Amino acid sequence: MGREEKMASTQFVPASVCRATYGVAVGWVAFIFLVPHHEDPYFNGMIAHLEATVVIWLFSFSYGNTSLYDPAWCVLPIAVAAGWMCTAPTYPSLRSL
């Protein structure tokens, strides 16, 4: 909270890039659930989270600022949970809500 260390290599990241980063990451999570890699939805959730993490890492690497990953702790679990809810065999169940 205002005390992060700014190194010589840390670059400025515009808000539009942050929105694009998470738009692509959430879109990738949706893609994994729409075109599943595995028949187990929990395994698909793990794959989706890992691949979305790589997407965010690529953005942060290309913009030279690792703080792009910080909001992922709030965004990715919600996206994966929504994917699980939408692909559950008894969609939508009271338990999933």
C-alpha atoms as a PDB file:
ATOM      1  CA  MET A   1       0.000   0.000   0.000  1.00  0.00           C
ATOM      2  CA  GLY A   2       2.188   2.759  -1.264  1.00  0.00           C
ATOM      3  CA  ARG A   3       5.336   1.172   0.112  1.00  0.00           C
ATOM      4  CA  GLU A   4       6.154  -1.081  -2.805  1.00  0.00           C
ATOM      5  CA  GLU A   5       9.703  -0.916  -4.002  1.00  0.00           C
ATOM      6  CA  LYS A   6      10.249   0.768  -7.344  1.00  0.00           C
ATOM      7  CA  MET A   7      13.295  -0.602  -9.079  1.00  0.00           C
ATOM      8  CA  ALA A   8      15.055   0.920 -12.051  1.00  0.00           C
ATOM      9  CA  SER A   9      13.543  -1.821 -14.220  1.00  0.00           C
ATOM     10  CA  THR A  10       9.941  -1.290 -13.001  1.00  0.00           C
ATOM     11  CA  GLN A  11       7.867   0.275 -15.757  1.00  0.00           C
ATOM     12  CA  PHE A  12       4.575   2.173 -15.719  1.00  0.00           C
ATOM     13  CA  VAL A  13       1.539   0.146 -16.784  1.00  0.00           C
ATOM     14  CA  PRO A  14      -1.542   2.030 -18.011  1.00  0.00           C
ATOM     15  CA  ALA A  15      -4.978   1.077 -16.687  1.00  0.00           C
ATOM     16  CA  SER A  16      -6.035  -0.029 -20.163  1.00  0.00           C
ATOM     17  CA  VAL A  17      -3.288  -2.663 -20.135  1.00  0.00           C
ATOM     18  CA  CYS A  18      -4.474  -3.899 -16.724  1.00  0.00           C
ATOM     19  CA  ARG A  19      -8.014  -4.235 -18.065  1.00  0.00           C
ATOM     20  CA  ALA A  20      -6.737  -6.000 -21.187  1.00  0.00           C
ATOM     21  CA  THR A  21      -4.628  -8.372 -19.079  1.00  0.00           C
ATOM     22  CA  TYR A  22      -7.586  -9.518 -17.008  1.00  0.00           C
ATOM     23  CA  GLY A  23      -9.957  -9.515 -19.958  1.00  0.00           C
ATOM     24  CA  VAL A  24      -7.659 -11.931 -21.789  1.00  0.00           C
ATOM     25  CA  ALA A  25      -7.083 -14.038 -18.642  1.00  0.00           C
ATOM     26  CA  VAL A  26     -10.811 -14.378 -17.872  1.00  0.00           C
ATOM     27  CA  GLY A  27     -11.496 -15.036 -21.555  1.00  0.00           C
ATOM     28  CA  TRP A  28      -8.910 -17.799 -21.462  1.00  0.00           C
ATOM     29  CA  VAL A  29     -10.565 -19.348 -18.401  1.00  0.00           C
ATOM     30  CA  ALA A  30     -13.894 -19.278 -20.251  1.00  0.00           C
ATOM     31  CA  PHE A  31     -12.283 -20.874 -23.299  1.00  0.00           C
ATOM     32  CA  ILE A  32     -10.857 -23.725 -21.208  1.00  0.00           C
ATOM     33  CA  PHE A  33     -14.300 -24.463 -19.773  1.00  0.00           C
ATOM     34  CA  LEU A  34     -15.991 -24.205 -23.176  1.00  0.00           C
ATOM     35  CA  VAL A  35     -13.435 -26.490 -24.837  1.00  0.00           C
ATOM     36  CA  PRO A  36     -12.447 -28.738 -21.921  1.00  0.00           C
ATOM     37  CA  HIS A  37      -9.057 -30.412 -21.858  1.00  0.00           C
ATOM     38  CA  HIS A  38     -10.235 -33.086 -19.428  1.00  0.00           C
ATOM     39  CA  GLU A  39     -13.561 -34.629 -18.454  1.00  0.00           C
ATOM     40  CA  ASP A  40     -13.113 -33.703 -14.767  1.00  0.00           C
ATOM     41  CA  PRO A  41     -14.280 -30.095 -14.191  1.00  0.00           C
ATOM     42  CA  TYR A  42     -11.917 -29.683 -11.221  1.00  0.00           C
ATOM     43  CA  PHE A  43      -8.966 -30.612 -13.405  1.00  0.00           C
ATOM     44  CA  ASN A  44     -10.185 -28.146 -16.023  1.00  0.00           C
ATOM     45  CA  GLY A  45     -10.312 -25.486 -13.311  1.00  0.00           C
ATOM     46  CA  MET A  46      -6.699 -26.190 -12.408  1.00  0.00           C
ATOM     47  CA  ILE A  47      -5.657 -26.050 -16.064  1.00  0.00           C
ATOM     48  CA  ALA A  48      -7.609 -22.818 -16.569  1.00  0.00           C
ATOM     49  CA  HIS A  49      -6.026 -21.183 -13.525  1.00  0.00           C
ATOM     50  CA  LEU A  50      -2.513 -22.247 -14.515  1.00  0.00           C
ATOM     51  CA  GLU A  51      -2.872 -21.106 -18.111  1.00  0.00           C
ATOM     52  CA  ALA A  52      -4.443 -17.784 -17.071  1.00  0.00           C
ATOM     53  CA  THR A  53      -1.494 -17.302 -14.722  1.00  0.00           C
ATOM     54  CA  VAL A  54       0.851 -17.761 -17.684  1.00  0.00           C
ATOM     55  CA  VAL A  55      -1.171 -15.189 -19.656  1.00  0.00           C
ATOM     56  CA  ILE A  56      -0.838 -12.671 -16.823  1.00  0.00           C
ATOM     57  CA  TRP A  57       2.861 -13.460 -16.483  1.00  0.00           C
ATOM     58  CA  LEU A  58       3.379 -12.798 -20.197  1.00  0.00           C
ATOM     59  CA  PHE A  59       1.700  -9.395 -19.862  1.00  0.00           C
ATOM     60  CA  SER A  60       3.714  -8.533 -16.753  1.00  0.00           C
ATOM     61  CA  PHE A  61       6.953  -9.684 -18.380  1.00  0.00           C
ATOM     62  CA  SER A  62       6.320  -7.670 -21.524  1.00  0.00           C
ATOM     63  CA  TYR A  63       5.459  -4.523 -19.533  1.00  0.00           C
ATOM     64  CA  GLY A  64       8.215  -5.007 -16.939  1.00  0.00           C
ATOM     65  CA  ASN A  65       5.917  -4.767 -13.926  1.00  0.00           C
ATOM     66  CA  THR A  66       5.073  -7.778 -11.787  1.00  0.00           C
ATOM     67  CA  SER A  67       2.310  -5.948  -9.923  1.00  0.00           C
ATOM     68  CA  LEU A  68      -0.024  -6.939 -12.768  1.00  0.00           C
ATOM     69  CA  TYR A  69      -0.415 -10.298 -11.026  1.00  0.00           C
ATOM     70  CA  ASP A  70      -1.694  -8.838  -7.733  1.00  0.00           C
ATOM     71  CA  PRO A  71      -5.391  -8.532  -8.762  1.00  0.00           C
ATOM     72  CA  ALA A  72      -5.337 -12.144  -9.987  1.00  0.00           C
ATOM     73  CA  TRP A  73      -5.926 -13.326  -6.420  1.00  0.00           C
ATOM     74  CA  CYS A  74      -9.413 -11.772  -6.636  1.00  0.00           C
ATOM     75  CA  VAL A  75     -10.270 -12.243 -10.312  1.00  0.00           C
ATOM     76  CA  LEU A  76      -9.156 -15.767 -11.194  1.00  0.00           C
ATOM     77  CA  PRO A  77     -10.910 -17.665  -8.366  1.00  0.00           C
ATOM     78  CA  ILE A  78     -14.203 -15.989  -9.283  1.00  0.00           C
ATOM     79  CA  ALA A  79     -13.717 -16.835 -12.968  1.00  0.00           C
ATOM     80  CA  VAL A  80     -12.864 -20.471 -12.189  1.00  0.00           C
ATOM     81  CA  ALA A  81     -15.820 -20.779  -9.794  1.00  0.00           C
ATOM     82  CA  ALA A  82     -18.120 -19.396 -12.488  1.00  0.00           C
ATOM     83  CA  GLY A  83     -16.693 -21.943 -14.919  1.00  0.00           C
ATOM     84  CA  TRP A  84     -17.360 -24.752 -12.475  1.00  0.00           C
ATOM     85  CA  MET A  85     -20.915 -23.531 -11.905  1.00  0.00           C
ATOM     86  CA  CYS A  86     -21.638 -23.307 -15.622  1.00  0.00           C
ATOM     87  CA  THR A  87     -20.224 -26.731 -16.448  1.00  0.00           C
ATOM     88  CA  ALA A  88     -21.677 -28.634 -13.493  1.00  0.00           C
ATOM     89  CA  PRO A  89     -23.852 -31.593 -14.486  1.00  0.00           C
ATOM     90  CA  THR A  90     -26.769 -30.185 -12.470  1.00  0.00           C
ATOM     91  CA  TYR A  91     -26.420 -26.574 -13.626  1.00  0.00           C
ATOM     92  CA  PRO A  92     -27.416 -24.372 -11.810  1.00  0.00           C
ATOM     93  CA  SER A  93     -27.670 -26.099  -8.497  1.00  0.00           C
ATOM     94  CA  LEU A  94     -28.390 -24.472  -5.160  1.00  0.00           C
ATOM     95  CA  ARG A  95     -25.105 -25.819  -3.861  1.00  0.00           C
ATOM     96  CA  SER A  96     -23.114 -24.175  -6.660  1.00  0.00           C
ATOM     97  CA  LEU A  97     -24.781 -20.830  -6.016  1.00  0.00           C
END
